Amino acid sequence: RAEDKRYEDLAKRDFEELQMGIGNVIAMADYVLTNEGDVEDFIRRGVELVEKVSRDP
């Protein structure tokens, strides 16, 4: 998010989300799409994930 530019803000948000139990949801997910690179990389990996999910029964 645009307002989360500082590391401290990101760390606080991550901690709050873990406190709400989002870690359990992530652990149970069949697929995870992380946002750790640039926009083009995220889009490419998103397309790859959609293609993979479309192929899986």
PDB file of N, CA and C in Angstrom:
ATOM      1  N   ARG A   1       0.834  -1.178   0.000  1.00  0.00           N
ATOM      2  CA  ARG A   1       0.000   0.000   0.000  1.00  0.00           C
ATOM      3  C   ARG A   1       0.871   1.230   0.000  1.00  0.00           C
ATOM      4  N   ALA A   2       0.400   2.268  -0.622  1.00  0.00           N
ATOM      5  CA  ALA A   2       1.179   3.495  -0.777  1.00  0.00           C
ATOM      6  C   ALA A   2       1.541   4.123   0.562  1.00  0.00           C
ATOM      7  N   GLU A   3       0.655   4.021   1.544  1.00  0.00           N
ATOM      8  CA  GLU A   3       0.930   4.668   2.828  1.00  0.00           C
ATOM      9  C   GLU A   3       1.911   3.880   3.695  1.00  0.00           C
ATOM     10  N   ASP A   4       2.245   2.670   3.318  1.00  0.00           N
ATOM     11  CA  ASP A   4       3.162   1.827   4.093  1.00  0.00           C
ATOM     12  C   ASP A   4       4.566   1.849   3.509  1.00  0.00           C
ATOM     13  N   LYS A   5       5.159   3.005   3.421  1.00  0.00           N
ATOM     14  CA  LYS A   5       6.474   3.111   2.791  1.00  0.00           C
ATOM     15  C   LYS A   5       7.613   2.822   3.753  1.00  0.00           C
ATOM     16  N   ARG A   6       7.405   3.036   5.026  1.00  0.00           N
ATOM     17  CA  ARG A   6       8.478   2.818   5.987  1.00  0.00           C
ATOM     18  C   ARG A   6       8.485   1.369   6.461  1.00  0.00           C
ATOM     19  N   TYR A   7       9.679   0.858   6.717  1.00  0.00           N
ATOM     20  CA  TYR A   7       9.822  -0.518   7.196  1.00  0.00           C
ATOM     21  C   TYR A   7       9.018  -0.737   8.476  1.00  0.00           C
ATOM     22  N   GLU A   8       9.061   0.231   9.375  1.00  0.00           N
ATOM     23  CA  GLU A   8       8.345   0.104  10.642  1.00  0.00           C
ATOM     24  C   GLU A   8       6.847  -0.075  10.411  1.00  0.00           C
ATOM     25  N   ASP A   9       6.302   0.662   9.436  1.00  0.00           N
ATOM     26  CA  ASP A   9       4.878   0.537   9.122  1.00  0.00           C
ATOM     27  C   ASP A   9       4.558  -0.852   8.585  1.00  0.00           C
ATOM     28  N   LEU A  10       5.426  -1.353   7.715  1.00  0.00           N
ATOM     29  CA  LEU A  10       5.210  -2.687   7.144  1.00  0.00           C
ATOM     30  C   LEU A  10       5.306  -3.762   8.217  1.00  0.00           C
ATOM     31  N   ALA A  11       6.300  -3.647   9.084  1.00  0.00           N
ATOM     32  CA  ALA A  11       6.477  -4.631  10.153  1.00  0.00           C
ATOM     33  C   ALA A  11       5.283  -4.616  11.104  1.00  0.00           C
ATOM     34  N   LYS A  12       4.790  -3.432  11.427  1.00  0.00           N
ATOM     35  CA  LYS A  12       3.625  -3.309  12.309  1.00  0.00           C
ATOM     36  C   LYS A  12       2.400  -3.952  11.666  1.00  0.00           C
ATOM     37  N   ARG A  13       2.184  -3.680  10.389  1.00  0.00           N
ATOM     38  CA  ARG A  13       1.032  -4.258   9.691  1.00  0.00           C
ATOM     39  C   ARG A  13       1.136  -5.780   9.646  1.00  0.00           C
ATOM     40  N   ASP A  14       2.331  -6.300   9.339  1.00  0.00           N
ATOM     41  CA  ASP A  14       2.519  -7.752   9.305  1.00  0.00           C
ATOM     42  C   ASP A  14       2.216  -8.375  10.664  1.00  0.00           C
ATOM     43  N   PHE A  15       2.704  -7.748  11.730  1.00  0.00           N
ATOM     44  CA  PHE A  15       2.462  -8.260  13.077  1.00  0.00           C
ATOM     45  C   PHE A  15       0.968  -8.264  13.392  1.00  0.00           C
ATOM     46  N   GLU A  16       0.282  -7.173  13.055  1.00  0.00           N
ATOM     47  CA  GLU A  16      -1.156  -7.083  13.313  1.00  0.00           C
ATOM     48  C   GLU A  16      -1.921  -8.157  12.541  1.00  0.00           C
ATOM     49  N   GLU A  17      -1.528  -8.396  11.306  1.00  0.00           N
ATOM     50  CA  GLU A  17      -2.198  -9.419  10.504  1.00  0.00           C
ATOM     51  C   GLU A  17      -1.955 -10.813  11.073  1.00  0.00           C
ATOM     52  N   LEU A  18      -0.747 -11.064  11.556  1.00  0.00           N
ATOM     53  CA  LEU A  18      -0.460 -12.359  12.174  1.00  0.00           C
ATOM     54  C   LEU A  18      -1.272 -12.540  13.451  1.00  0.00           C
ATOM     55  N   GLN A  19      -1.462 -11.468  14.204  1.00  0.00           N
ATOM     56  CA  GLN A  19      -2.263 -11.530  15.426  1.00  0.00           C
ATOM     57  C   GLN A  19      -3.716 -11.876  15.108  1.00  0.00           C
ATOM     58  N   MET A  20      -4.204 -11.461  13.951  1.00  0.00           N
ATOM     59  CA  MET A  20      -5.586 -11.745  13.555  1.00  0.00           C
ATOM     60  C   MET A  20      -5.742 -13.164  13.017  1.00  0.00           C
ATOM     61  N   GLY A  21      -4.652 -13.890  12.849  1.00  0.00           N
ATOM     62  CA  GLY A  21      -4.724 -15.264  12.394  1.00  0.00           C
ATOM     63  C   GLY A  21      -4.501 -15.458  10.910  1.00  0.00           C
ATOM     64  N   ILE A  22      -4.045 -14.427  10.223  1.00  0.00           N
ATOM     65  CA  ILE A  22      -3.838 -14.561   8.778  1.00  0.00           C
ATOM     66  C   ILE A  22      -2.738 -15.572   8.463  1.00  0.00           C
ATOM     67  N   GLY A  23      -1.818 -15.772   9.399  1.00  0.00           N
ATOM     68  CA  GLY A  23      -0.763 -16.764   9.187  1.00  0.00           C
ATOM     69  C   GLY A  23      -1.328 -18.163   9.012  1.00  0.00           C
ATOM     70  N   ASN A  24      -2.382 -18.480   9.766  1.00  0.00           N
ATOM     71  CA  ASN A  24      -3.027 -19.787   9.629  1.00  0.00           C
ATOM     72  C   ASN A  24      -3.666 -19.936   8.254  1.00  0.00           C
ATOM     73  N   VAL A  25      -4.284 -18.881   7.786  1.00  0.00           N
ATOM     74  CA  VAL A  25      -4.916 -18.910   6.465  1.00  0.00           C
ATOM     75  C   VAL A  25      -3.855 -19.116   5.388  1.00  0.00           C
ATOM     76  N   ILE A  26      -2.750 -18.399   5.500  1.00  0.00           N
ATOM     77  CA  ILE A  26      -1.665 -18.536   4.524  1.00  0.00           C
ATOM     78  C   ILE A  26      -1.104 -19.954   4.562  1.00  0.00           C
ATOM     79  N   ALA A  27      -0.944 -20.501   5.754  1.00  0.00           N
ATOM     80  CA  ALA A  27      -0.391 -21.851   5.887  1.00  0.00           C
ATOM     81  C   ALA A  27      -1.290 -22.901   5.238  1.00  0.00           C
ATOM     82  N   MET A  28      -2.590 -22.665   5.210  1.00  0.00           N
ATOM     83  CA  MET A  28      -3.521 -23.629   4.627  1.00  0.00           C
ATOM     84  C   MET A  28      -3.752 -23.403   3.138  1.00  0.00           C
ATOM     85  N   ALA A  29      -3.218 -22.333   2.590  1.00  0.00           N
ATOM     86  CA  ALA A  29      -3.466 -22.002   1.185  1.00  0.00           C
ATOM     87  C   ALA A  29      -2.812 -23.015   0.251  1.00  0.00           C
ATOM     88  N   ASP A  30      -3.494 -23.310  -0.826  1.00  0.00           N
ATOM     89  CA  ASP A  30      -2.927 -24.178  -1.855  1.00  0.00           C
ATOM     90  C   ASP A  30      -1.901 -23.431  -2.695  1.00  0.00           C
ATOM     91  N   TYR A  31      -2.090 -22.135  -2.847  1.00  0.00           N
ATOM     92  CA  TYR A  31      -1.200 -21.306  -3.656  1.00  0.00           C
ATOM     93  C   TYR A  31      -0.963 -19.989  -2.922  1.00  0.00           C
ATOM     94  N   VAL A  32       0.246 -19.445  -3.075  1.00  0.00           N
ATOM     95  CA  VAL A  32       0.584 -18.149  -2.492  1.00  0.00           C
ATOM     96  C   VAL A  32       1.270 -17.319  -3.558  1.00  0.00           C
ATOM     97  N   LEU A  33       0.806 -16.103  -3.728  1.00  0.00           N
ATOM     98  CA  LEU A  33       1.411 -15.171  -4.673  1.00  0.00           C
ATOM     99  C   LEU A  33       1.971 -14.008  -3.862  1.00  0.00           C
ATOM    100  N   THR A  34       3.295 -13.946  -3.748  1.00  0.00           N
ATOM    101  CA  THR A  34       3.927 -12.876  -2.979  1.00  0.00           C
ATOM    102  C   THR A  34       4.200 -11.675  -3.868  1.00  0.00           C
ATOM    103  N   ASN A  35       4.294 -10.527  -3.250  1.00  0.00           N
ATOM    104  CA  ASN A  35       4.546  -9.277  -3.950  1.00  0.00           C
ATOM    105  C   ASN A  35       5.901  -8.746  -3.489  1.00  0.00           C
ATOM    106  N   GLU A  36       6.979  -9.318  -4.030  1.00  0.00           N
ATOM    107  CA  GLU A  36       8.319  -8.974  -3.567  1.00  0.00           C
ATOM    108  C   GLU A  36       9.190  -8.334  -4.638  1.00  0.00           C
ATOM    109  N   GLY A  37       8.688  -8.211  -5.833  1.00  0.00           N
ATOM    110  CA  GLY A  37       9.481  -7.635  -6.917  1.00  0.00           C
ATOM    111  C   GLY A  37       8.790  -6.425  -7.499  1.00  0.00           C
ATOM    112  N   ASP A  38       9.073  -6.179  -8.763  1.00  0.00           N
ATOM    113  CA  ASP A  38       8.426  -5.046  -9.420  1.00  0.00           C
ATOM    114  C   ASP A  38       7.065  -5.471  -9.973  1.00  0.00           C
ATOM    115  N   VAL A  39       6.336  -4.509 -10.508  1.00  0.00           N
ATOM    116  CA  VAL A  39       4.982  -4.751 -10.995  1.00  0.00           C
ATOM    117  C   VAL A  39       4.971  -5.799 -12.100  1.00  0.00           C
ATOM    118  N   GLU A  40       5.921  -5.697 -13.016  1.00  0.00           N
ATOM    119  CA  GLU A  40       5.964  -6.643 -14.131  1.00  0.00           C
ATOM    120  C   GLU A  40       6.166  -8.074 -13.638  1.00  0.00           C
ATOM    121  N   ASP A  41       7.034  -8.247 -12.648  1.00  0.00           N
ATOM    122  CA  ASP A  41       7.281  -9.574 -12.085  1.00  0.00           C
ATOM    123  C   ASP A  41       6.021 -10.108 -11.411  1.00  0.00           C
ATOM    124  N   PHE A  42       5.334  -9.257 -10.673  1.00  0.00           N
ATOM    125  CA  PHE A  42       4.104  -9.664  -9.993  1.00  0.00           C
ATOM    126  C   PHE A  42       3.041 -10.097 -11.003  1.00  0.00           C
ATOM    127  N   ILE A  43       2.879  -9.320 -12.055  1.00  0.00           N
ATOM    128  CA  ILE A  43       1.895  -9.661 -13.090  1.00  0.00           C
ATOM    129  C   ILE A  43       2.261 -10.976 -13.767  1.00  0.00           C
ATOM    130  N   ARG A  44       3.532 -11.138 -14.100  1.00  0.00           N
ATOM    131  CA  ARG A  44       3.979 -12.367 -14.754  1.00  0.00           C
ATOM    132  C   ARG A  44       3.697 -13.575 -13.871  1.00  0.00           C
ATOM    133  N   ARG A  45       4.037 -13.468 -12.593  1.00  0.00           N
ATOM    134  CA  ARG A  45       3.814 -14.588 -11.681  1.00  0.00           C
ATOM    135  C   ARG A  45       2.321 -14.818 -11.441  1.00  0.00           C
ATOM    136  N   GLY A  46       1.536 -13.742 -11.470  1.00  0.00           N
ATOM    137  CA  GLY A  46       0.086 -13.887 -11.339  1.00  0.00           C
ATOM    138  C   GLY A  46      -0.514 -14.641 -12.512  1.00  0.00           C
ATOM    139  N   VAL A  47      -0.071 -14.299 -13.712  1.00  0.00           N
ATOM    140  CA  VAL A  47      -0.544 -14.998 -14.913  1.00  0.00           C
ATOM    141  C   VAL A  47      -0.141 -16.468 -14.852  1.00  0.00           C
ATOM    142  N   GLU A  48       1.096 -16.736 -14.448  1.00  0.00           N
ATOM    143  CA  GLU A  48       1.559 -18.123 -14.332  1.00  0.00           C
ATOM    144  C   GLU A  48       0.714 -18.900 -13.323  1.00  0.00           C
ATOM    145  N   LEU A  49       0.374 -18.259 -12.221  1.00  0.00           N
ATOM    146  CA  LEU A  49      -0.438 -18.923 -11.205  1.00  0.00           C
ATOM    147  C   LEU A  49      -1.838 -19.227 -11.733  1.00  0.00           C
ATOM    148  N   VAL A  50      -2.442 -18.269 -12.411  1.00  0.00           N
ATOM    149  CA  VAL A  50      -3.778 -18.495 -12.978  1.00  0.00           C
ATOM    150  C   VAL A  50      -3.737 -19.636 -13.986  1.00  0.00           C
ATOM    151  N   GLU A  51      -2.704 -19.668 -14.813  1.00  0.00           N
ATOM    152  CA  GLU A  51      -2.575 -20.760 -15.782  1.00  0.00           C
ATOM    153  C   GLU A  51      -2.423 -22.106 -15.077  1.00  0.00           C
ATOM    154  N   LYS A  52      -1.624 -22.141 -14.020  1.00  0.00           N
ATOM    155  CA  LYS A  52      -1.422 -23.388 -13.267  1.00  0.00           C
ATOM    156  C   LYS A  52      -2.727 -23.838 -12.620  1.00  0.00           C
ATOM    157  N   VAL A  53      -3.434 -22.921 -11.989  1.00  0.00           N
ATOM    158  CA  VAL A  53      -4.694 -23.262 -11.334  1.00  0.00           C
ATOM    159  C   VAL A  53      -5.712 -23.745 -12.364  1.00  0.00           C
ATOM    160  N   SER A  54      -5.702 -23.154 -13.532  1.00  0.00           N
ATOM    161  CA  SER A  54      -6.635 -23.555 -14.594  1.00  0.00           C
ATOM    162  C   SER A  54      -6.362 -24.977 -15.074  1.00  0.00           C
ATOM    163  N   ARG A  55      -5.096 -25.396 -15.024  1.00  0.00           N
ATOM    164  CA  ARG A  55      -4.720 -26.746 -15.471  1.00  0.00           C
ATOM    165  C   ARG A  55      -4.969 -27.800 -14.402  1.00  0.00           C
ATOM    166  N   ASP A  56      -4.826 -27.421 -13.129  1.00  0.00           N
ATOM    167  CA  ASP A  56      -4.975 -28.384 -12.029  1.00  0.00           C
ATOM    168  C   ASP A  56      -6.437 -28.795 -11.876  1.00  0.00           C
ATOM    169  N   PRO A  57      -6.667 -30.093 -11.661  1.00  0.00           N
ATOM    170  CA  PRO A  57      -8.059 -30.568 -11.477  1.00  0.00           C
ATOM    171  C   PRO A  57      -8.619 -30.164 -10.125  1.00  0.00           C
TER     172      PRO A  57
END
